């Protein structure tokens, strides 16, 4: 992420300016950050998951959103654009912002991986609604899932190669072979 300005910006100013911009920007602690473009593999991974989630969620109160839906974490005064999120609450159809998510998915890239695993996860954990945080590697067949346990602790699960990714909060499974289909990533 590249810093686009160093002066403090209020959340209201960020939201007003974001509606006018062509590119997406994230907001954290008064600063606005330009979102970097993803690779083809990055986009294919997010779309492969979305395509498999949509029929699974049909008929439930949950919806999957990709890239352009902003997630507000009010307690941290920030707005992020996860690569994919599963939202299970009523939201105005005209809104581009949600304030809860059951699942947040980030596709890791070399430039954002440590941020997504570190600071961003610290912020996402502040969402009471969040049950699973999924990190999909865009360079090798590796998926990490952090799942909220009964008492609020986070339990780590790793999936590799031909294993099956399980998202327990929505009773969903997909093989990594399907998830990584058409990405060119073999192992």
N, C-alpha and C. Protein backbone atom coordinates (compact mmCIF):
# COMPACT_ATOMS: atom_id res chain seq x y z
N UNK A 1 0.84 -1.17 0.00
CA UNK A 1 0.00 0.00 0.00
C UNK A 1 0.88 1.24 0.00
N UNK A 2 0.52 2.19 -0.81
CA UNK A 2 1.28 3.43 -0.88
C UNK A 2 0.50 4.53 -0.18
N UNK A 3 1.20 5.33 0.58
CA UNK A 3 0.57 6.44 1.28
C UNK A 3 0.25 7.52 0.27
N UNK A 4 -0.98 8.00 0.24
CA UNK A 4 -1.37 9.01 -0.74
C UNK A 4 -1.36 10.42 -0.18
N UNK A 5 -1.42 10.53 1.14
CA UNK A 5 -1.33 11.85 1.75
C UNK A 5 -0.96 11.68 3.21
N UNK A 6 -0.29 12.69 3.74
CA UNK A 6 0.19 12.55 5.11
C UNK A 6 -0.62 13.38 6.11
N UNK A 7 -1.47 14.26 5.63
CA UNK A 7 -2.29 15.07 6.54
C UNK A 7 -3.45 14.24 7.07
N UNK A 8 -3.83 14.51 8.29
CA UNK A 8 -4.96 13.81 8.91
C UNK A 8 -6.23 14.07 8.11
N UNK A 9 -7.01 13.04 7.91
CA UNK A 9 -8.29 13.12 7.21
C UNK A 9 -9.34 12.53 8.13
N UNK A 10 -10.45 13.21 8.28
CA UNK A 10 -11.54 12.67 9.10
C UNK A 10 -12.22 11.53 8.35
N UNK A 11 -12.89 10.63 9.08
CA UNK A 11 -13.62 9.56 8.39
C UNK A 11 -14.67 10.11 7.42
N UNK A 12 -15.33 11.18 7.79
CA UNK A 12 -16.35 11.79 6.93
C UNK A 12 -15.74 12.32 5.64
N UNK A 13 -14.57 12.96 5.77
CA UNK A 13 -13.88 13.48 4.59
C UNK A 13 -13.42 12.33 3.69
N UNK A 14 -12.88 11.28 4.30
CA UNK A 14 -12.45 10.11 3.53
C UNK A 14 -13.62 9.54 2.73
N UNK A 15 -14.77 9.33 3.39
CA UNK A 15 -15.93 8.73 2.72
C UNK A 15 -16.44 9.62 1.58
N UNK A 16 -16.46 10.92 1.80
CA UNK A 16 -16.92 11.85 0.75
C UNK A 16 -15.98 11.80 -0.45
N UNK A 17 -14.68 11.81 -0.20
CA UNK A 17 -13.70 11.78 -1.29
C UNK A 17 -13.67 10.42 -1.97
N UNK A 18 -13.87 9.36 -1.22
CA UNK A 18 -13.84 8.00 -1.79
C UNK A 18 -14.96 7.81 -2.81
N UNK A 19 -16.10 8.44 -2.59
CA UNK A 19 -17.21 8.32 -3.53
C UNK A 19 -16.88 8.95 -4.88
N UNK A 20 -15.94 9.89 -4.90
CA UNK A 20 -15.59 10.60 -6.13
C UNK A 20 -14.40 9.97 -6.86
N UNK A 21 -13.69 9.09 -6.21
CA UNK A 21 -12.46 8.52 -6.77
C UNK A 21 -12.76 7.31 -7.67
N UNK A 22 -11.89 7.13 -8.66
CA UNK A 22 -11.94 5.93 -9.50
C UNK A 22 -11.28 4.76 -8.79
N UNK A 23 -10.15 5.01 -8.13
CA UNK A 23 -9.41 3.96 -7.44
C UNK A 23 -9.91 3.84 -6.00
N UNK A 24 -9.72 2.65 -5.44
CA UNK A 24 -10.13 2.42 -4.05
C UNK A 24 -8.99 2.80 -3.11
N UNK A 25 -9.37 3.27 -1.93
CA UNK A 25 -8.41 3.64 -0.89
C UNK A 25 -8.90 3.11 0.45
N UNK A 26 -7.97 2.67 1.27
CA UNK A 26 -8.33 2.25 2.63
C UNK A 26 -8.00 3.40 3.57
N UNK A 27 -8.66 3.38 4.71
CA UNK A 27 -8.52 4.46 5.69
C UNK A 27 -8.19 3.85 7.03
N UNK A 28 -7.12 4.35 7.64
CA UNK A 28 -6.76 3.87 8.97
C UNK A 28 -6.07 4.98 9.74
N UNK A 29 -6.61 5.26 10.92
CA UNK A 29 -5.99 6.20 11.85
C UNK A 29 -5.73 7.57 11.21
N UNK A 30 -6.70 8.05 10.43
CA UNK A 30 -6.60 9.38 9.86
C UNK A 30 -5.80 9.46 8.57
N UNK A 31 -5.29 8.34 8.09
CA UNK A 31 -4.50 8.34 6.86
C UNK A 31 -5.21 7.54 5.78
N UNK A 32 -4.99 7.94 4.54
CA UNK A 32 -5.62 7.30 3.39
C UNK A 32 -4.54 6.60 2.57
N UNK A 33 -4.79 5.33 2.25
CA UNK A 33 -3.82 4.51 1.53
C UNK A 33 -4.43 4.02 0.22
N UNK A 34 -3.70 4.20 -0.89
CA UNK A 34 -4.15 3.70 -2.18
C UNK A 34 -4.03 2.18 -2.20
N UNK A 35 -5.03 1.53 -2.77
CA UNK A 35 -4.99 0.08 -2.91
C UNK A 35 -4.17 -0.26 -4.15
N UNK A 36 -3.27 -1.23 -4.01
CA UNK A 36 -2.47 -1.65 -5.15
C UNK A 36 -3.25 -2.66 -5.97
N UNK A 37 -2.94 -2.72 -7.25
CA UNK A 37 -3.61 -3.68 -8.14
C UNK A 37 -3.14 -5.09 -7.87
N UNK A 38 -4.00 -6.05 -8.07
CA UNK A 38 -3.66 -7.46 -7.85
C UNK A 38 -3.24 -8.13 -9.15
N UNK A 39 -2.58 -9.26 -9.02
CA UNK A 39 -2.18 -10.05 -10.17
C UNK A 39 -3.37 -10.85 -10.69
N UNK A 40 -3.20 -11.49 -11.84
CA UNK A 40 -4.26 -12.35 -12.36
C UNK A 40 -4.56 -13.47 -11.37
N UNK A 41 -3.51 -14.10 -10.83
CA UNK A 41 -3.70 -15.19 -9.86
C UNK A 41 -4.49 -14.69 -8.65
N UNK A 42 -4.16 -13.50 -8.17
CA UNK A 42 -4.86 -12.88 -7.04
C UNK A 42 -6.36 -12.80 -7.33
N UNK A 43 -6.70 -12.28 -8.48
CA UNK A 43 -8.10 -12.11 -8.86
C UNK A 43 -8.80 -13.45 -9.09
N UNK A 44 -8.11 -14.39 -9.72
CA UNK A 44 -8.70 -15.71 -9.97
C UNK A 44 -9.01 -16.41 -8.65
N UNK A 45 -8.09 -16.31 -7.68
CA UNK A 45 -8.32 -16.95 -6.38
C UNK A 45 -9.57 -16.38 -5.70
N UNK A 46 -9.70 -15.07 -5.69
CA UNK A 46 -10.87 -14.45 -5.06
C UNK A 46 -12.15 -14.85 -5.80
N UNK A 47 -12.10 -14.85 -7.12
CA UNK A 47 -13.29 -15.21 -7.91
C UNK A 47 -13.63 -16.69 -7.76
N UNK A 48 -12.61 -17.57 -7.74
CA UNK A 48 -12.88 -19.00 -7.55
C UNK A 48 -13.61 -19.25 -6.24
N UNK A 49 -13.19 -18.57 -5.19
CA UNK A 49 -13.87 -18.74 -3.91
C UNK A 49 -15.29 -18.18 -3.97
N UNK A 50 -15.44 -17.00 -4.54
CA UNK A 50 -16.76 -16.37 -4.65
C UNK A 50 -17.74 -17.25 -5.42
N UNK A 51 -17.31 -17.77 -6.55
CA UNK A 51 -18.18 -18.59 -7.40
C UNK A 51 -18.67 -19.83 -6.65
N UNK A 52 -17.84 -20.37 -5.79
CA UNK A 52 -18.23 -21.56 -5.03
C UNK A 52 -19.06 -21.21 -3.79
N UNK A 53 -18.85 -20.03 -3.25
CA UNK A 53 -19.61 -19.59 -2.08
C UNK A 53 -21.05 -19.19 -2.42
N UNK A 54 -21.24 -18.55 -3.55
CA UNK A 54 -22.56 -17.99 -3.89
C UNK A 54 -23.68 -19.03 -3.82
N UNK A 55 -23.56 -20.17 -4.49
CA UNK A 55 -24.67 -21.14 -4.39
C UNK A 55 -24.83 -21.71 -2.98
N UNK A 56 -23.72 -21.82 -2.26
CA UNK A 56 -23.79 -22.35 -0.89
C UNK A 56 -24.58 -21.40 0.03
N UNK A 57 -24.43 -20.11 -0.18
CA UNK A 57 -25.08 -19.11 0.68
C UNK A 57 -26.51 -18.81 0.26
N UNK A 58 -26.89 -19.21 -0.94
CA UNK A 58 -28.24 -18.92 -1.44
C UNK A 58 -29.29 -19.47 -0.47
N UNK A 59 -30.25 -18.63 -0.14
CA UNK A 59 -31.31 -19.02 0.78
C UNK A 59 -30.97 -18.77 2.24
N UNK A 60 -29.75 -18.35 2.50
CA UNK A 60 -29.34 -18.01 3.87
C UNK A 60 -29.34 -16.49 4.01
N UNK A 61 -29.19 -15.96 5.22
CA UNK A 61 -29.13 -14.51 5.39
C UNK A 61 -27.76 -13.94 5.01
N UNK A 62 -26.82 -14.79 4.65
CA UNK A 62 -25.45 -14.35 4.36
C UNK A 62 -25.25 -14.09 2.87
N UNK A 63 -24.37 -13.13 2.58
CA UNK A 63 -23.98 -12.80 1.22
C UNK A 63 -22.47 -12.65 1.17
N UNK A 64 -21.89 -13.06 0.03
CA UNK A 64 -20.45 -12.88 -0.18
C UNK A 64 -20.25 -11.66 -1.07
N UNK A 65 -19.29 -10.84 -0.71
CA UNK A 65 -18.96 -9.64 -1.48
C UNK A 65 -17.47 -9.66 -1.79
N UNK A 66 -17.13 -9.09 -2.92
CA UNK A 66 -15.75 -9.11 -3.37
C UNK A 66 -15.27 -7.68 -3.63
N UNK A 67 -14.06 -7.38 -3.27
CA UNK A 67 -13.29 -6.16 -3.56
C UNK A 67 -13.91 -4.80 -3.31
N UNK A 68 -15.10 -4.54 -3.83
CA UNK A 68 -15.62 -3.18 -3.84
C UNK A 68 -16.54 -2.84 -2.68
N UNK A 69 -16.72 -3.76 -1.76
CA UNK A 69 -17.53 -3.46 -0.57
C UNK A 69 -16.58 -3.13 0.57
N UNK A 70 -16.78 -1.96 1.13
CA UNK A 70 -15.93 -1.45 2.20
C UNK A 70 -16.40 -2.00 3.53
N UNK A 71 -15.46 -2.41 4.36
CA UNK A 71 -15.77 -2.91 5.71
C UNK A 71 -15.30 -1.87 6.72
N UNK A 72 -16.25 -1.37 7.51
CA UNK A 72 -15.93 -0.40 8.55
C UNK A 72 -15.66 -1.13 9.85
N UNK A 73 -14.52 -0.82 10.46
CA UNK A 73 -14.22 -1.31 11.80
C UNK A 73 -14.24 -0.07 12.69
N UNK A 74 -15.40 0.18 13.26
CA UNK A 74 -15.64 1.43 13.98
C UNK A 74 -14.71 1.60 15.17
N UNK A 75 -14.45 0.53 15.91
CA UNK A 75 -13.61 0.63 17.11
C UNK A 75 -12.17 1.02 16.78
N UNK A 76 -11.74 0.77 15.54
CA UNK A 76 -10.38 1.12 15.13
C UNK A 76 -10.37 2.34 14.21
N UNK A 77 -11.55 2.93 13.98
CA UNK A 77 -11.67 4.10 13.13
C UNK A 77 -11.03 3.85 11.76
N UNK A 78 -11.45 2.75 11.11
CA UNK A 78 -10.87 2.46 9.81
C UNK A 78 -11.87 1.81 8.86
N UNK A 79 -11.51 1.84 7.59
CA UNK A 79 -12.28 1.24 6.52
C UNK A 79 -11.32 0.45 5.65
N UNK A 80 -11.63 -0.83 5.41
CA UNK A 80 -10.82 -1.68 4.55
C UNK A 80 -11.69 -2.25 3.44
N UNK A 81 -11.02 -2.66 2.37
CA UNK A 81 -11.66 -3.38 1.27
C UNK A 81 -11.09 -4.79 1.24
N UNK A 82 -11.67 -5.74 1.97
CA UNK A 82 -11.15 -7.11 1.91
C UNK A 82 -11.32 -7.67 0.50
N UNK A 83 -10.49 -8.65 0.16
CA UNK A 83 -10.65 -9.28 -1.15
C UNK A 83 -12.00 -9.97 -1.25
N UNK A 84 -12.48 -10.50 -0.14
CA UNK A 84 -13.80 -11.12 -0.09
C UNK A 84 -14.28 -11.08 1.35
N UNK A 85 -15.57 -10.90 1.54
CA UNK A 85 -16.12 -10.99 2.89
C UNK A 85 -17.49 -11.64 2.83
N UNK A 86 -17.85 -12.29 3.91
CA UNK A 86 -19.19 -12.86 4.05
C UNK A 86 -19.89 -12.05 5.14
N UNK A 87 -21.00 -11.44 4.74
CA UNK A 87 -21.77 -10.54 5.59
C UNK A 87 -23.13 -11.18 5.84
N UNK A 88 -23.55 -11.24 7.10
CA UNK A 88 -24.79 -11.96 7.44
C UNK A 88 -25.80 -11.08 8.17
N UNK A 89 -25.84 -9.80 7.86
CA UNK A 89 -26.78 -8.89 8.49
C UNK A 89 -27.46 -8.05 7.42
N UNK A 90 -28.58 -7.45 7.75
CA UNK A 90 -29.29 -6.59 6.81
C UNK A 90 -28.46 -5.34 6.54
N UNK A 91 -28.39 -4.96 5.29
CA UNK A 91 -27.71 -3.75 4.88
C UNK A 91 -28.48 -3.15 3.72
N UNK A 92 -28.54 -1.83 3.68
CA UNK A 92 -29.21 -1.17 2.57
C UNK A 92 -28.53 -1.57 1.26
N UNK A 93 -29.31 -1.94 0.28
CA UNK A 93 -28.76 -2.39 -1.01
C UNK A 93 -27.95 -1.29 -1.70
N UNK A 94 -28.23 -0.04 -1.39
CA UNK A 94 -27.51 1.06 -2.02
C UNK A 94 -26.19 1.36 -1.32
N UNK A 95 -25.96 0.76 -0.19
CA UNK A 95 -24.75 1.03 0.58
C UNK A 95 -23.54 0.33 -0.04
N UNK A 96 -22.38 0.95 0.08
CA UNK A 96 -21.13 0.30 -0.35
C UNK A 96 -20.27 -0.03 0.86
N UNK A 97 -20.84 0.14 2.06
CA UNK A 97 -20.12 -0.11 3.30
C UNK A 97 -20.93 -1.02 4.21
N UNK A 98 -20.25 -2.00 4.81
CA UNK A 98 -20.86 -2.84 5.84
C UNK A 98 -20.03 -2.70 7.10
N UNK A 99 -20.64 -2.97 8.24
CA UNK A 99 -19.92 -2.81 9.51
C UNK A 99 -19.79 -4.12 10.27
N UNK A 100 -20.09 -5.23 9.58
CA UNK A 100 -19.89 -6.53 10.20
C UNK A 100 -19.54 -7.54 9.11
N UNK A 101 -18.84 -8.57 9.51
CA UNK A 101 -18.50 -9.66 8.59
C UNK A 101 -18.29 -10.92 9.40
N UNK A 102 -18.83 -12.02 8.92
CA UNK A 102 -18.62 -13.31 9.58
C UNK A 102 -17.27 -13.88 9.15
N UNK A 103 -16.92 -13.67 7.87
CA UNK A 103 -15.65 -14.15 7.32
C UNK A 103 -15.01 -13.01 6.54
N UNK A 104 -13.71 -12.84 6.72
CA UNK A 104 -12.93 -11.91 5.92
C UNK A 104 -11.82 -12.72 5.25
N UNK A 105 -11.66 -12.50 3.94
CA UNK A 105 -10.64 -13.19 3.16
C UNK A 105 -9.71 -12.17 2.55
N UNK A 106 -8.42 -12.38 2.73
CA UNK A 106 -7.40 -11.58 2.06
C UNK A 106 -6.53 -12.52 1.24
N UNK A 107 -6.30 -12.17 -0.02
CA UNK A 107 -5.37 -12.91 -0.86
C UNK A 107 -4.02 -12.23 -0.70
N UNK A 108 -3.04 -13.00 -0.24
CA UNK A 108 -1.74 -12.43 0.09
C UNK A 108 -0.90 -12.18 -1.15
N UNK A 109 -0.20 -11.07 -1.13
CA UNK A 109 0.80 -10.77 -2.15
C UNK A 109 2.10 -10.47 -1.41
N UNK A 110 3.24 -10.53 -2.11
CA UNK A 110 4.50 -10.24 -1.42
C UNK A 110 4.52 -8.87 -0.75
N UNK A 111 3.84 -7.89 -1.34
CA UNK A 111 3.89 -6.54 -0.79
C UNK A 111 2.94 -6.32 0.39
N UNK A 112 1.90 -7.15 0.53
CA UNK A 112 0.91 -6.92 1.59
C UNK A 112 0.81 -8.04 2.61
N UNK A 113 1.49 -9.16 2.38
CA UNK A 113 1.35 -10.34 3.22
C UNK A 113 1.58 -10.11 4.70
N UNK A 114 2.68 -9.46 5.04
CA UNK A 114 2.98 -9.27 6.46
C UNK A 114 1.99 -8.29 7.11
N UNK A 115 1.53 -7.30 6.36
CA UNK A 115 0.54 -6.35 6.87
C UNK A 115 -0.80 -7.06 7.10
N UNK A 116 -1.22 -7.90 6.13
CA UNK A 116 -2.49 -8.62 6.26
C UNK A 116 -2.47 -9.58 7.45
N UNK A 117 -1.33 -10.21 7.69
CA UNK A 117 -1.21 -11.17 8.78
C UNK A 117 -1.00 -10.48 10.13
N UNK A 118 -0.41 -9.30 10.12
CA UNK A 118 -0.11 -8.60 11.37
C UNK A 118 -1.14 -7.56 11.75
N UNK A 119 -0.87 -6.32 11.36
CA UNK A 119 -1.68 -5.18 11.78
C UNK A 119 -3.15 -5.31 11.36
N UNK A 120 -3.37 -5.75 10.12
CA UNK A 120 -4.75 -5.84 9.64
C UNK A 120 -5.53 -6.88 10.44
N UNK A 121 -4.91 -8.01 10.74
CA UNK A 121 -5.59 -9.04 11.54
C UNK A 121 -5.89 -8.51 12.93
N UNK A 122 -4.97 -7.75 13.51
CA UNK A 122 -5.21 -7.14 14.82
C UNK A 122 -6.47 -6.27 14.79
N UNK A 123 -6.64 -5.55 13.69
CA UNK A 123 -7.80 -4.66 13.56
C UNK A 123 -9.07 -5.46 13.30
N UNK A 124 -9.01 -6.40 12.37
CA UNK A 124 -10.19 -7.22 12.06
C UNK A 124 -10.71 -7.96 13.30
N UNK A 125 -9.82 -8.39 14.16
CA UNK A 125 -10.25 -9.13 15.36
C UNK A 125 -11.14 -8.30 16.27
N UNK A 126 -11.15 -7.00 16.10
CA UNK A 126 -12.02 -6.14 16.90
C UNK A 126 -13.49 -6.26 16.50
N UNK A 127 -13.76 -6.86 15.35
CA UNK A 127 -15.14 -7.07 14.92
C UNK A 127 -15.75 -8.23 15.70
N UNK A 128 -16.76 -7.95 16.50
CA UNK A 128 -17.42 -9.02 17.26
C UNK A 128 -18.03 -10.07 16.34
N UNK A 129 -18.43 -9.67 15.16
CA UNK A 129 -19.09 -10.59 14.22
C UNK A 129 -18.11 -11.55 13.54
N UNK A 130 -16.82 -11.21 13.53
CA UNK A 130 -15.85 -12.01 12.77
C UNK A 130 -15.63 -13.38 13.41
N UNK A 131 -15.84 -14.42 12.62
CA UNK A 131 -15.64 -15.80 13.08
C UNK A 131 -14.41 -16.44 12.44
N UNK A 132 -14.10 -16.05 11.19
CA UNK A 132 -12.96 -16.64 10.50
C UNK A 132 -12.24 -15.59 9.66
N UNK A 133 -10.91 -15.63 9.74
CA UNK A 133 -10.05 -14.77 8.93
C UNK A 133 -9.22 -15.69 8.05
N UNK A 134 -9.36 -15.54 6.74
CA UNK A 134 -8.76 -16.46 5.78
C UNK A 134 -7.69 -15.73 4.98
N UNK A 135 -6.50 -16.31 4.93
CA UNK A 135 -5.40 -15.76 4.16
C UNK A 135 -5.02 -16.76 3.08
N UNK A 136 -5.19 -16.37 1.83
CA UNK A 136 -4.90 -17.24 0.69
C UNK A 136 -3.60 -16.78 0.05
N UNK A 137 -2.62 -17.67 -0.03
CA UNK A 137 -1.33 -17.36 -0.64
C UNK A 137 -1.50 -17.31 -2.16
N UNK A 138 -0.99 -16.27 -2.79
CA UNK A 138 -1.12 -16.13 -4.24
C UNK A 138 0.09 -16.65 -4.99
N UNK A 139 1.04 -17.26 -4.26
CA UNK A 139 2.24 -17.79 -4.92
C UNK A 139 2.43 -19.29 -4.71
N UNK A 140 1.73 -19.87 -3.75
CA UNK A 140 1.81 -21.32 -3.51
C UNK A 140 0.48 -21.78 -2.93
N UNK A 141 0.22 -23.08 -3.03
CA UNK A 141 -1.06 -23.62 -2.53
C UNK A 141 -1.02 -23.71 -1.01
N UNK A 142 -1.29 -22.60 -0.38
CA UNK A 142 -1.32 -22.51 1.07
C UNK A 142 -2.42 -21.56 1.49
N UNK A 143 -3.25 -22.03 2.40
CA UNK A 143 -4.32 -21.19 2.96
C UNK A 143 -4.24 -21.29 4.47
N UNK A 144 -4.31 -20.14 5.12
CA UNK A 144 -4.33 -20.09 6.58
C UNK A 144 -5.70 -19.59 7.02
N UNK A 145 -6.24 -20.25 8.02
CA UNK A 145 -7.52 -19.81 8.57
C UNK A 145 -7.34 -19.61 10.07
N UNK A 146 -7.75 -18.44 10.53
CA UNK A 146 -7.79 -18.16 11.96
C UNK A 146 -9.26 -18.16 12.34
N UNK A 147 -9.61 -19.07 13.24
CA UNK A 147 -11.01 -19.28 13.62
C UNK A 147 -11.20 -18.89 15.08
N UNK A 148 -12.23 -18.08 15.33
CA UNK A 148 -12.52 -17.66 16.70
C UNK A 148 -13.12 -18.84 17.47
N UNK A 149 -12.51 -19.17 18.60
CA UNK A 149 -13.00 -20.26 19.45
C UNK A 149 -14.09 -19.72 20.38
N UNK A 150 -14.71 -20.63 21.12
CA UNK A 150 -15.81 -20.28 22.01
C UNK A 150 -15.50 -19.13 22.96
N UNK A 151 -14.32 -19.11 23.51
CA UNK A 151 -13.98 -18.11 24.53
C UNK A 151 -13.23 -16.91 23.95
N UNK A 152 -13.26 -16.76 22.62
CA UNK A 152 -12.66 -15.59 22.00
C UNK A 152 -11.23 -15.77 21.53
N UNK A 153 -10.59 -16.88 21.89
CA UNK A 153 -9.24 -17.14 21.40
C UNK A 153 -9.31 -17.46 19.91
N UNK A 154 -8.20 -17.27 19.21
CA UNK A 154 -8.14 -17.56 17.79
C UNK A 154 -7.31 -18.82 17.58
N UNK A 155 -7.87 -19.77 16.83
CA UNK A 155 -7.21 -21.05 16.57
C UNK A 155 -6.77 -21.06 15.11
N UNK A 156 -5.52 -21.44 14.88
CA UNK A 156 -4.92 -21.45 13.55
C UNK A 156 -5.09 -22.80 12.87
N UNK A 157 -5.47 -22.78 11.61
CA UNK A 157 -5.58 -23.99 10.78
C UNK A 157 -4.85 -23.72 9.47
N UNK A 158 -4.00 -24.65 9.05
CA UNK A 158 -3.27 -24.51 7.79
C UNK A 158 -3.74 -25.57 6.81
N UNK A 159 -3.89 -25.18 5.56
CA UNK A 159 -4.30 -26.09 4.49
C UNK A 159 -3.29 -25.97 3.36
N UNK A 160 -2.86 -27.11 2.81
CA UNK A 160 -1.88 -27.10 1.73
C UNK A 160 -2.26 -28.10 0.64
N UNK A 161 -1.64 -27.94 -0.49
CA UNK A 161 -1.73 -28.85 -1.65
C UNK A 161 -3.16 -29.27 -1.97
N UNK A 162 -3.48 -30.53 -1.76
CA UNK A 162 -4.79 -31.05 -2.17
C UNK A 162 -5.76 -31.21 -1.00
N UNK A 163 -5.51 -30.52 0.10
CA UNK A 163 -6.42 -30.60 1.24
C UNK A 163 -7.70 -29.83 0.94
N UNK A 164 -8.65 -29.94 1.84
CA UNK A 164 -9.93 -29.26 1.69
C UNK A 164 -10.05 -28.16 2.73
N UNK A 165 -10.24 -26.95 2.25
CA UNK A 165 -10.45 -25.79 3.11
C UNK A 165 -11.85 -25.87 3.70
N UNK A 166 -11.93 -25.69 5.00
CA UNK A 166 -13.23 -25.72 5.69
C UNK A 166 -13.47 -24.38 6.37
N UNK A 167 -14.63 -23.80 6.09
CA UNK A 167 -15.08 -22.59 6.78
C UNK A 167 -16.25 -23.01 7.66
N UNK A 168 -15.92 -23.27 8.91
CA UNK A 168 -16.89 -23.86 9.85
C UNK A 168 -18.07 -22.94 10.14
N UNK A 169 -17.84 -21.63 10.14
CA UNK A 169 -18.91 -20.70 10.52
C UNK A 169 -20.09 -20.71 9.56
N UNK A 170 -19.84 -21.17 8.33
CA UNK A 170 -20.94 -21.27 7.36
C UNK A 170 -21.06 -22.69 6.80
N UNK A 171 -20.40 -23.63 7.44
CA UNK A 171 -20.45 -25.04 7.05
C UNK A 171 -20.15 -25.22 5.56
N UNK A 172 -19.00 -24.70 5.13
CA UNK A 172 -18.60 -24.70 3.72
C UNK A 172 -17.23 -25.33 3.57
N UNK A 173 -17.08 -26.11 2.50
CA UNK A 173 -15.78 -26.72 2.20
C UNK A 173 -15.49 -26.59 0.72
N UNK A 174 -14.21 -26.41 0.39
CA UNK A 174 -13.76 -26.39 -1.00
C UNK A 174 -12.34 -26.94 -1.03
N UNK A 175 -12.04 -27.76 -2.02
CA UNK A 175 -10.69 -28.31 -2.12
C UNK A 175 -9.75 -27.22 -2.62
N UNK A 176 -8.50 -27.29 -2.20
CA UNK A 176 -7.53 -26.33 -2.70
C UNK A 176 -7.31 -26.51 -4.20
N UNK A 177 -7.53 -27.71 -4.70
CA UNK A 177 -7.44 -27.95 -6.14
C UNK A 177 -8.46 -27.07 -6.87
N UNK A 178 -9.68 -27.01 -6.37
CA UNK A 178 -10.72 -26.16 -6.96
C UNK A 178 -10.40 -24.68 -6.76
N UNK A 179 -9.97 -24.34 -5.56
CA UNK A 179 -9.68 -22.95 -5.24
C UNK A 179 -8.57 -22.39 -6.13
N UNK A 180 -7.54 -23.20 -6.38
CA UNK A 180 -6.39 -22.74 -7.16
C UNK A 180 -6.52 -23.06 -8.65
N UNK A 181 -7.69 -23.53 -9.07
CA UNK A 181 -7.92 -23.86 -10.47
C UNK A 181 -7.65 -22.66 -11.37
N UNK A 182 -6.93 -22.88 -12.45
CA UNK A 182 -6.66 -21.87 -13.48
C UNK A 182 -5.73 -20.75 -13.02
N UNK A 183 -5.03 -20.94 -11.90
CA UNK A 183 -4.09 -19.91 -11.44
C UNK A 183 -2.67 -20.16 -11.94
N UNK A 184 -2.38 -21.38 -12.35
CA UNK A 184 -1.01 -21.74 -12.73
C UNK A 184 -0.15 -22.09 -11.54
N UNK A 185 -0.73 -22.07 -10.35
CA UNK A 185 0.01 -22.40 -9.12
C UNK A 185 -0.16 -23.88 -8.86
N UNK A 186 0.95 -24.61 -8.87
CA UNK A 186 0.90 -26.07 -8.73
C UNK A 186 1.04 -26.53 -7.29
N UNK A 187 1.98 -26.03 -6.56
CA UNK A 187 2.21 -26.48 -5.17
C UNK A 187 2.38 -25.30 -4.26
